[in-house]
Structures are given as C-alpha cells and as structure tokens.
Amino acid sequence: MSTADNAVDTALNVIAMVSGTDRAKLEPEMELVANLGLDSAKALELLVELEEQLDTEISDEDAAGLDTVGDIIDYVKRVSAQT
C-alpha cells in the first residue's frame, strides 16, 4: 500500500469516527454537513484529528475547500504526494 493509500485509509477512518458513520457507507460525493451532519464543532474536531493522524497542518484556506468526503480524499492524496 502506498503512502497516499495509507493516508486516504487513515482519513476515511477519521471521518467515520468523527461523524459516527460506518466507514463502508462513506462515499466521495457525501457532504460533510448535509450528509454526515457535521456542525462547526464536529468539523473542527475532524480537522484537528486529520492533522494529528496525518502529521500535517491544514491551512484555513485548504480547510474552507473541504466540503465533501471526496474533497478530503483529494486533499490527502495531494499532500501525500508532496512528502
């Protein structure tokens, strides 16, 4: 498994944990707020957990663009490719 695959796997685990959604039911098009029910406190918890688990810092600008599960997957792949 590549570094990017490991990072995506970790990100999906974090999304499932924070949202309380079964990981197997997560789809790229699912919106964090509308489909997974994340409020601002949960969204912040998600960002903090992603930063800790992936050993990275997510800028406010990048965070503002993370609206769906797919956005997070794409971001994680992009960041993993840079390391």
PDB file of N, CA and C in Angstrom:
ATOM      1  N   MET A   1       0.850  -1.178   0.000  1.00  0.00           N
ATOM      2  CA  MET A   1       0.000   0.000   0.000  1.00  0.00           C
ATOM      3  C   MET A   1       0.898   1.243   0.000  1.00  0.00           C
ATOM      4  N   SER A   2       0.595   2.192  -0.864  1.00  0.00           N
ATOM      5  CA  SER A   2       1.415   3.394  -0.958  1.00  0.00           C
ATOM      6  C   SER A   2       1.129   4.342   0.201  1.00  0.00           C
ATOM      7  N   THR A   3       1.986   5.333   0.333  1.00  0.00           N
ATOM      8  CA  THR A   3       1.804   6.351   1.367  1.00  0.00           C
ATOM      9  C   THR A   3       0.468   7.056   1.190  1.00  0.00           C
ATOM     10  N   ALA A   4       0.124   7.385  -0.062  1.00  0.00           N
ATOM     11  CA  ALA A   4      -1.152   8.055  -0.340  1.00  0.00           C
ATOM     12  C   ALA A   4      -2.318   7.157   0.047  1.00  0.00           C
ATOM     13  N   ASP A   5      -2.233   5.866  -0.265  1.00  0.00           N
ATOM     14  CA  ASP A   5      -3.303   4.935   0.096  1.00  0.00           C
ATOM     15  C   ASP A   5      -3.448   4.836   1.606  1.00  0.00           C
ATOM     16  N   ASN A   6      -2.326   4.775   2.315  1.00  0.00           N
ATOM     17  CA  ASN A   6      -2.369   4.736   3.774  1.00  0.00           C
ATOM     18  C   ASN A   6      -3.003   6.000   4.333  1.00  0.00           C
ATOM     19  N   ALA A   7      -2.653   7.145   3.754  1.00  0.00           N
ATOM     20  CA  ALA A   7      -3.192   8.418   4.218  1.00  0.00           C
ATOM     21  C   ALA A   7      -4.694   8.494   3.966  1.00  0.00           C
ATOM     22  N   VAL A   8      -5.133   8.033   2.802  1.00  0.00           N
ATOM     23  CA  VAL A   8      -6.570   8.020   2.494  1.00  0.00           C
ATOM     24  C   VAL A   8      -7.296   7.088   3.457  1.00  0.00           C
ATOM     25  N   ASP A   9      -6.724   5.921   3.713  1.00  0.00           N
ATOM     26  CA  ASP A   9      -7.300   4.968   4.654  1.00  0.00           C
ATOM     27  C   ASP A   9      -7.451   5.615   6.035  1.00  0.00           C
ATOM     28  N   THR A  10      -6.416   6.294   6.490  1.00  0.00           N
ATOM     29  CA  THR A  10      -6.454   6.987   7.778  1.00  0.00           C
ATOM     30  C   THR A  10      -7.520   8.068   7.779  1.00  0.00           C
ATOM     31  N   ALA A  11      -7.577   8.862   6.705  1.00  0.00           N
ATOM     32  CA  ALA A  11      -8.563   9.942   6.614  1.00  0.00           C
ATOM     33  C   ALA A  11      -9.985   9.387   6.669  1.00  0.00           C
ATOM     34  N   LEU A  12     -10.239   8.305   5.963  1.00  0.00           N
ATOM     35  CA  LEU A  12     -11.578   7.710   5.980  1.00  0.00           C
ATOM     36  C   LEU A  12     -11.932   7.197   7.373  1.00  0.00           C
ATOM     37  N   ASN A  13     -10.963   6.630   8.067  1.00  0.00           N
ATOM     38  CA  ASN A  13     -11.202   6.189   9.444  1.00  0.00           C
ATOM     39  C   ASN A  13     -11.552   7.371  10.341  1.00  0.00           C
ATOM     40  N   VAL A  14     -10.853   8.478  10.173  1.00  0.00           N
ATOM     41  CA  VAL A  14     -11.118   9.680  10.982  1.00  0.00           C
ATOM     42  C   VAL A  14     -12.506  10.229  10.668  1.00  0.00           C
ATOM     43  N   ILE A  15     -12.852  10.317   9.386  1.00  0.00           N
ATOM     44  CA  ILE A  15     -14.181  10.822   9.009  1.00  0.00           C
ATOM     45  C   ILE A  15     -15.266   9.945   9.631  1.00  0.00           C
ATOM     46  N   ALA A  16     -15.106   8.635   9.546  1.00  0.00           N
ATOM     47  CA  ALA A  16     -16.088   7.707  10.109  1.00  0.00           C
ATOM     48  C   ALA A  16     -16.201   7.893  11.624  1.00  0.00           C
ATOM     49  N   MET A  17     -15.059   8.010  12.290  1.00  0.00           N
ATOM     50  CA  MET A  17     -15.054   8.160  13.741  1.00  0.00           C
ATOM     51  C   MET A  17     -15.748   9.455  14.172  1.00  0.00           C
ATOM     52  N   VAL A  18     -15.364  10.568  13.552  1.00  0.00           N
ATOM     53  CA  VAL A  18     -15.907  11.862  13.963  1.00  0.00           C
ATOM     54  C   VAL A  18     -17.384  11.992  13.610  1.00  0.00           C
ATOM     55  N   SER A  19     -17.773  11.480  12.447  1.00  0.00           N
ATOM     56  CA  SER A  19     -19.164  11.623  12.007  1.00  0.00           C
ATOM     57  C   SER A  19     -20.093  10.567  12.587  1.00  0.00           C
ATOM     58  N   GLY A  20     -19.503   9.468  13.077  1.00  0.00           N
ATOM     59  CA  GLY A  20     -20.331   8.376  13.586  1.00  0.00           C
ATOM     60  C   GLY A  20     -20.970   7.564  12.468  1.00  0.00           C
ATOM     61  N   THR A  21     -20.412   7.682  11.271  1.00  0.00           N
ATOM     62  CA  THR A  21     -20.924   6.977  10.094  1.00  0.00           C
ATOM     63  C   THR A  21     -20.066   5.748   9.833  1.00  0.00           C
ATOM     64  N   ASP A  22     -20.705   4.644   9.504  1.00  0.00           N
ATOM     65  CA  ASP A  22     -19.980   3.426   9.161  1.00  0.00           C
ATOM     66  C   ASP A  22     -19.065   3.729   7.974  1.00  0.00           C
ATOM     67  N   ARG A  23     -17.807   3.408   8.125  1.00  0.00           N
ATOM     68  CA  ARG A  23     -16.831   3.704   7.074  1.00  0.00           C
ATOM     69  C   ARG A  23     -17.238   3.118   5.728  1.00  0.00           C
ATOM     70  N   ALA A  24     -17.819   1.943   5.730  1.00  0.00           N
ATOM     71  CA  ALA A  24     -18.226   1.281   4.488  1.00  0.00           C
ATOM     72  C   ALA A  24     -19.307   2.065   3.745  1.00  0.00           C
ATOM     73  N   LYS A  25     -19.996   2.945   4.441  1.00  0.00           N
ATOM     74  CA  LYS A  25     -21.069   3.727   3.816  1.00  0.00           C
ATOM     75  C   LYS A  25     -20.594   5.083   3.314  1.00  0.00           C
ATOM     76  N   LEU A  26     -19.337   5.444   3.576  1.00  0.00           N
ATOM     77  CA  LEU A  26     -18.816   6.730   3.121  1.00  0.00           C
ATOM     78  C   LEU A  26     -18.617   6.715   1.611  1.00  0.00           C
ATOM     79  N   GLU A  27     -19.117   7.757   0.951  1.00  0.00           N
ATOM     80  CA  GLU A  27     -18.986   7.912  -0.495  1.00  0.00           C
ATOM     81  C   GLU A  27     -18.348   9.266  -0.781  1.00  0.00           C
ATOM     82  N   PRO A  28     -17.544   9.366  -1.841  1.00  0.00           N
ATOM     83  CA  PRO A  28     -16.853  10.633  -2.137  1.00  0.00           C
ATOM     84  C   PRO A  28     -17.782  11.841  -2.274  1.00  0.00           C
ATOM     85  N   GLU A  29     -18.983  11.630  -2.793  1.00  0.00           N
ATOM     86  CA  GLU A  29     -19.883  12.763  -3.005  1.00  0.00           C
ATOM     87  C   GLU A  29     -20.621  13.217  -1.745  1.00  0.00           C
ATOM     88  N   MET A  30     -20.467  12.496  -0.651  1.00  0.00           N
ATOM     89  CA  MET A  30     -21.160  12.860   0.588  1.00  0.00           C
ATOM     90  C   MET A  30     -20.624  14.174   1.148  1.00  0.00           C
ATOM     91  N   GLU A  31     -21.555  15.087   1.434  1.00  0.00           N
ATOM     92  CA  GLU A  31     -21.191  16.372   2.013  1.00  0.00           C
ATOM     93  C   GLU A  31     -21.053  16.229   3.523  1.00  0.00           C
ATOM     94  N   LEU A  32     -20.016  16.874   4.062  1.00  0.00           N
ATOM     95  CA  LEU A  32     -19.734  16.754   5.492  1.00  0.00           C
ATOM     96  C   LEU A  32     -20.878  17.292   6.342  1.00  0.00           C
ATOM     97  N   VAL A  33     -21.484  18.392   5.917  1.00  0.00           N
ATOM     98  CA  VAL A  33     -22.569  18.993   6.696  1.00  0.00           C
ATOM     99  C   VAL A  33     -23.905  18.347   6.354  1.00  0.00           C
ATOM    100  N   ALA A  34     -24.288  18.378   5.076  1.00  0.00           N
ATOM    101  CA  ALA A  34     -25.615  17.925   4.667  1.00  0.00           C
ATOM    102  C   ALA A  34     -25.822  16.420   4.851  1.00  0.00           C
ATOM    103  N   ASN A  35     -24.830  15.602   4.495  1.00  0.00           N
ATOM    104  CA  ASN A  35     -24.997  14.151   4.542  1.00  0.00           C
ATOM    105  C   ASN A  35     -24.489  13.514   5.828  1.00  0.00           C
ATOM    106  N   LEU A  36     -23.421  14.056   6.377  1.00  0.00           N
ATOM    107  CA  LEU A  36     -22.830  13.449   7.575  1.00  0.00           C
ATOM    108  C   LEU A  36     -23.194  14.188   8.855  1.00  0.00           C
ATOM    109  N   GLY A  37     -23.858  15.334   8.720  1.00  0.00           N
ATOM    110  CA  GLY A  37     -24.371  16.047   9.882  1.00  0.00           C
ATOM    111  C   GLY A  37     -23.327  16.730  10.743  1.00  0.00           C
ATOM    112  N   LEU A  38     -22.181  17.051  10.169  1.00  0.00           N
ATOM    113  CA  LEU A  38     -21.152  17.722  10.964  1.00  0.00           C
ATOM    114  C   LEU A  38     -21.516  19.188  11.184  1.00  0.00           C
ATOM    115  N   ASP A  39     -21.556  19.599  12.441  1.00  0.00           N
ATOM    116  CA  ASP A  39     -21.726  21.014  12.755  1.00  0.00           C
ATOM    117  C   ASP A  39     -20.338  21.623  12.859  1.00  0.00           C
ATOM    118  N   SER A  40     -20.252  22.896  13.194  1.00  0.00           N
ATOM    119  CA  SER A  40     -18.941  23.559  13.202  1.00  0.00           C
ATOM    120  C   SER A  40     -17.995  22.934  14.222  1.00  0.00           C
ATOM    121  N   ALA A  41     -18.497  22.510  15.369  1.00  0.00           N
ATOM    122  CA  ALA A  41     -17.643  21.880  16.382  1.00  0.00           C
ATOM    123  C   ALA A  41     -17.100  20.542  15.875  1.00  0.00           C
ATOM    124  N   LYS A  42     -17.952  19.752  15.232  1.00  0.00           N
ATOM    125  CA  LYS A  42     -17.518  18.459  14.687  1.00  0.00           C
ATOM    126  C   LYS A  42     -16.553  18.660  13.515  1.00  0.00           C
ATOM    127  N   ALA A  43     -16.796  19.695  12.704  1.00  0.00           N
ATOM    128  CA  ALA A  43     -15.893  19.983  11.588  1.00  0.00           C
ATOM    129  C   ALA A  43     -14.507  20.337  12.110  1.00  0.00           C
ATOM    130  N   LEU A  44     -14.461  21.108  13.175  1.00  0.00           N
ATOM    131  CA  LEU A  44     -13.182  21.455  13.789  1.00  0.00           C
ATOM    132  C   LEU A  44     -12.509  20.210  14.357  1.00  0.00           C
ATOM    133  N   GLU A  45     -13.279  19.364  15.011  1.00  0.00           N
ATOM    134  CA  GLU A  45     -12.738  18.107  15.544  1.00  0.00           C
ATOM    135  C   GLU A  45     -12.170  17.258  14.406  1.00  0.00           C
ATOM    136  N   LEU A  46     -12.873  17.219  13.284  1.00  0.00           N
ATOM    137  CA  LEU A  46     -12.404  16.465  12.123  1.00  0.00           C
ATOM    138  C   LEU A  46     -11.061  16.994  11.635  1.00  0.00           C
ATOM    139  N   LEU A  47     -10.954  18.309  11.503  1.00  0.00           N
ATOM    140  CA  LEU A  47      -9.698  18.905  11.045  1.00  0.00           C
ATOM    141  C   LEU A  47      -8.548  18.610  12.002  1.00  0.00           C
ATOM    142  N   VAL A  48      -8.796  18.755  13.287  1.00  0.00           N
ATOM    143  CA  VAL A  48      -7.761  18.502  14.294  1.00  0.00           C
ATOM    144  C   VAL A  48      -7.319  17.035  14.236  1.00  0.00           C
ATOM    145  N   GLU A  49      -8.267  16.131  14.148  1.00  0.00           N
ATOM    146  CA  GLU A  49      -7.939  14.701  14.075  1.00  0.00           C
ATOM    147  C   GLU A  49      -7.158  14.369  12.804  1.00  0.00           C
ATOM    148  N   LEU A  50      -7.582  14.959  11.672  1.00  0.00           N
ATOM    149  CA  LEU A  50      -6.852  14.723  10.432  1.00  0.00           C
ATOM    150  C   LEU A  50      -5.419  15.223  10.543  1.00  0.00           C
ATOM    151  N   GLU A  51      -5.245  16.417  11.111  1.00  0.00           N
ATOM    152  CA  GLU A  51      -3.897  16.964  11.271  1.00  0.00           C
ATOM    153  C   GLU A  51      -3.033  16.064  12.150  1.00  0.00           C
ATOM    154  N   GLU A  52      -3.623  15.580  13.258  1.00  0.00           N
ATOM    155  CA  GLU A  52      -2.858  14.728  14.175  1.00  0.00           C
ATOM    156  C   GLU A  52      -2.527  13.377  13.549  1.00  0.00           C
ATOM    157  N   GLN A  53      -3.524  12.746  12.945  1.00  0.00           N
ATOM    158  CA  GLN A  53      -3.330  11.404  12.394  1.00  0.00           C
ATOM    159  C   GLN A  53      -2.429  11.395  11.157  1.00  0.00           C
ATOM    160  N   LEU A  54      -2.471  12.491  10.388  1.00  0.00           N
ATOM    161  CA  LEU A  54      -1.683  12.551   9.151  1.00  0.00           C
ATOM    162  C   LEU A  54      -0.394  13.342   9.320  1.00  0.00           C
ATOM    163  N   ASP A  55      -0.170  13.838  10.530  1.00  0.00           N
ATOM    164  CA  ASP A  55       1.032  14.610  10.842  1.00  0.00           C
ATOM    165  C   ASP A  55       1.243  15.736   9.834  1.00  0.00           C
ATOM    166  N   THR A  56       0.206  16.550   9.683  1.00  0.00           N
ATOM    167  CA  THR A  56       0.250  17.671   8.753  1.00  0.00           C
ATOM    168  C   THR A  56      -0.514  18.839   9.343  1.00  0.00           C
ATOM    169  N   GLU A  57      -0.391  19.984   8.724  1.00  0.00           N
ATOM    170  CA  GLU A  57      -1.163  21.152   9.134  1.00  0.00           C
ATOM    171  C   GLU A  57      -2.030  21.560   7.959  1.00  0.00           C
ATOM    172  N   ILE A  58      -3.325  21.680   8.205  1.00  0.00           N
ATOM    173  CA  ILE A  58      -4.274  22.065   7.170  1.00  0.00           C
ATOM    174  C   ILE A  58      -4.533  23.561   7.316  1.00  0.00           C
ATOM    175  N   SER A  59      -4.197  24.319   6.277  1.00  0.00           N
ATOM    176  CA  SER A  59      -4.392  25.771   6.337  1.00  0.00           C
ATOM    177  C   SER A  59      -5.883  26.102   6.352  1.00  0.00           C
ATOM    178  N   ASP A  60      -6.217  27.294   6.840  1.00  0.00           N
ATOM    179  CA  ASP A  60      -7.610  27.732   6.839  1.00  0.00           C
ATOM    180  C   ASP A  60      -8.161  27.752   5.420  1.00  0.00           C
ATOM    181  N   GLU A  61      -7.328  28.168   4.477  1.00  0.00           N
ATOM    182  CA  GLU A  61      -7.742  28.228   3.073  1.00  0.00           C
ATOM    183  C   GLU A  61      -8.073  26.835   2.542  1.00  0.00           C
ATOM    184  N   ASP A  62      -7.207  25.869   2.828  1.00  0.00           N
ATOM    185  CA  ASP A  62      -7.464  24.494   2.397  1.00  0.00           C
ATOM    186  C   ASP A  62      -8.697  23.932   3.102  1.00  0.00           C
ATOM    187  N   ALA A  63      -8.816  24.189   4.391  1.00  0.00           N
ATOM    188  CA  ALA A  63      -9.949  23.679   5.171  1.00  0.00           C
ATOM    189  C   ALA A  63     -11.271  24.182   4.611  1.00  0.00           C
ATOM    190  N   ALA A  64     -11.289  25.432   4.158  1.00  0.00           N
ATOM    191  CA  ALA A  64     -12.517  26.024   3.618  1.00  0.00           C
ATOM    192  C   ALA A  64     -12.999  25.298   2.363  1.00  0.00           C
ATOM    193  N   GLY A  65     -12.101  24.610   1.674  1.00  0.00           N
ATOM    194  CA  GLY A  65     -12.461  23.895   0.457  1.00  0.00           C
ATOM    195  C   GLY A  65     -12.821  22.441   0.669  1.00  0.00           C
ATOM    196  N   LEU A  66     -12.806  21.992   1.909  1.00  0.00           N
ATOM    197  CA  LEU A  66     -13.099  20.591   2.204  1.00  0.00           C
ATOM    198  C   LEU A  66     -14.568  20.447   2.579  1.00  0.00           C
ATOM    199  N   ASP A  67     -15.414  20.246   1.568  1.00  0.00           N
ATOM    200  CA  ASP A  67     -16.862  20.173   1.786  1.00  0.00           C
ATOM    201  C   ASP A  67     -17.419  18.759   1.701  1.00  0.00           C
ATOM    202  N   THR A  68     -16.692  17.881   1.029  1.00  0.00           N
ATOM    203  CA  THR A  68     -17.182  16.514   0.841  1.00  0.00           C
ATOM    204  C   THR A  68     -16.104  15.509   1.248  1.00  0.00           C
ATOM    205  N   VAL A  69     -16.509  14.269   1.364  1.00  0.00           N
ATOM    206  CA  VAL A  69     -15.551  13.188   1.629  1.00  0.00           C
ATOM    207  C   VAL A  69     -14.522  13.151   0.501  1.00  0.00           C
ATOM    208  N   GLY A  70     -14.972  13.331  -0.735  1.00  0.00           N
ATOM    209  CA  GLY A  70     -14.074  13.328  -1.884  1.00  0.00           C
ATOM    210  C   GLY A  70     -13.062  14.455  -1.845  1.00  0.00           C
ATOM    211  N   ASP A  71     -13.497  15.629  -1.354  1.00  0.00           N
ATOM    212  CA  ASP A  71     -12.559  16.751  -1.209  1.00  0.00           C
ATOM    213  C   ASP A  71     -11.428  16.381  -0.261  1.00  0.00           C
ATOM    214  N   ILE A  72     -11.771  15.710   0.827  1.00  0.00           N
ATOM    215  CA  ILE A  72     -10.759  15.311   1.808  1.00  0.00           C
ATOM    216  C   ILE A  72      -9.829  14.265   1.195  1.00  0.00           C
ATOM    217  N   ILE A  73     -10.396  13.302   0.476  1.00  0.00           N
ATOM    218  CA  ILE A  73      -9.579  12.271  -0.171  1.00  0.00           C
ATOM    219  C   ILE A  73      -8.598  12.915  -1.151  1.00  0.00           C
ATOM    220  N   ASP A  74      -9.100  13.828  -1.985  1.00  0.00           N
ATOM    221  CA  ASP A  74      -8.237  14.507  -2.959  1.00  0.00           C
ATOM    222  C   ASP A  74      -7.142  15.306  -2.264  1.00  0.00           C
ATOM    223  N   TYR A  75      -7.507  16.006  -1.197  1.00  0.00           N
ATOM    224  CA  TYR A  75      -6.534  16.812  -0.446  1.00  0.00           C
ATOM    225  C   TYR A  75      -5.445  15.909   0.138  1.00  0.00           C
ATOM    226  N   VAL A  76      -5.849  14.807   0.745  1.00  0.00           N
ATOM    227  CA  VAL A  76      -4.899  13.892   1.375  1.00  0.00           C
ATOM    228  C   VAL A  76      -3.959  13.290   0.330  1.00  0.00           C
ATOM    229  N   LYS A  77      -4.497  12.932  -0.813  1.00  0.00           N
ATOM    230  CA  LYS A  77      -3.650  12.390  -1.885  1.00  0.00           C
ATOM    231  C   LYS A  77      -2.634  13.441  -2.348  1.00  0.00           C
ATOM    232  N   ARG A  78      -3.100  14.683  -2.503  1.00  0.00           N
ATOM    233  CA  ARG A  78      -2.219  15.765  -2.957  1.00  0.00           C
ATOM    234  C   ARG A  78      -1.106  16.020  -1.935  1.00  0.00           C
ATOM    235  N   VAL A  79      -1.460  16.085  -0.668  1.00  0.00           N
ATOM    236  CA  VAL A  79      -0.476  16.343   0.388  1.00  0.00           C
ATOM    237  C   VAL A  79       0.503  15.164   0.508  1.00  0.00           C
ATOM    238  N   SER A  80      -0.012  13.946   0.392  1.00  0.00           N
ATOM    239  CA  SER A  80       0.846  12.758   0.482  1.00  0.00           C
ATOM    240  C   SER A  80       1.846  12.704  -0.656  1.00  0.00           C
ATOM    241  N   ALA A  81       1.450  13.161  -1.817  1.00  0.00           N
ATOM    242  CA  ALA A  81       2.336  13.152  -2.979  1.00  0.00           C
ATOM    243  C   ALA A  81       3.483  14.140  -2.827  1.00  0.00           C
ATOM    244  N   GLN A  82       3.297  15.163  -1.984  1.00  0.00           N
ATOM    245  CA  GLN A  82       4.314  16.192  -1.788  1.00  0.00           C
ATOM    246  C   GLN A  82       5.374  15.785  -0.770  1.00  0.00           C
ATOM    247  N   THR A  83       5.110  14.721  -0.031  1.00  0.00           N
ATOM    248  CA  THR A  83       6.060  14.314   1.014  1.00  0.00           C
ATOM    249  C   THR A  83       6.977  13.208   0.541  1.00  0.00           C
TER     250      THR A  83
END
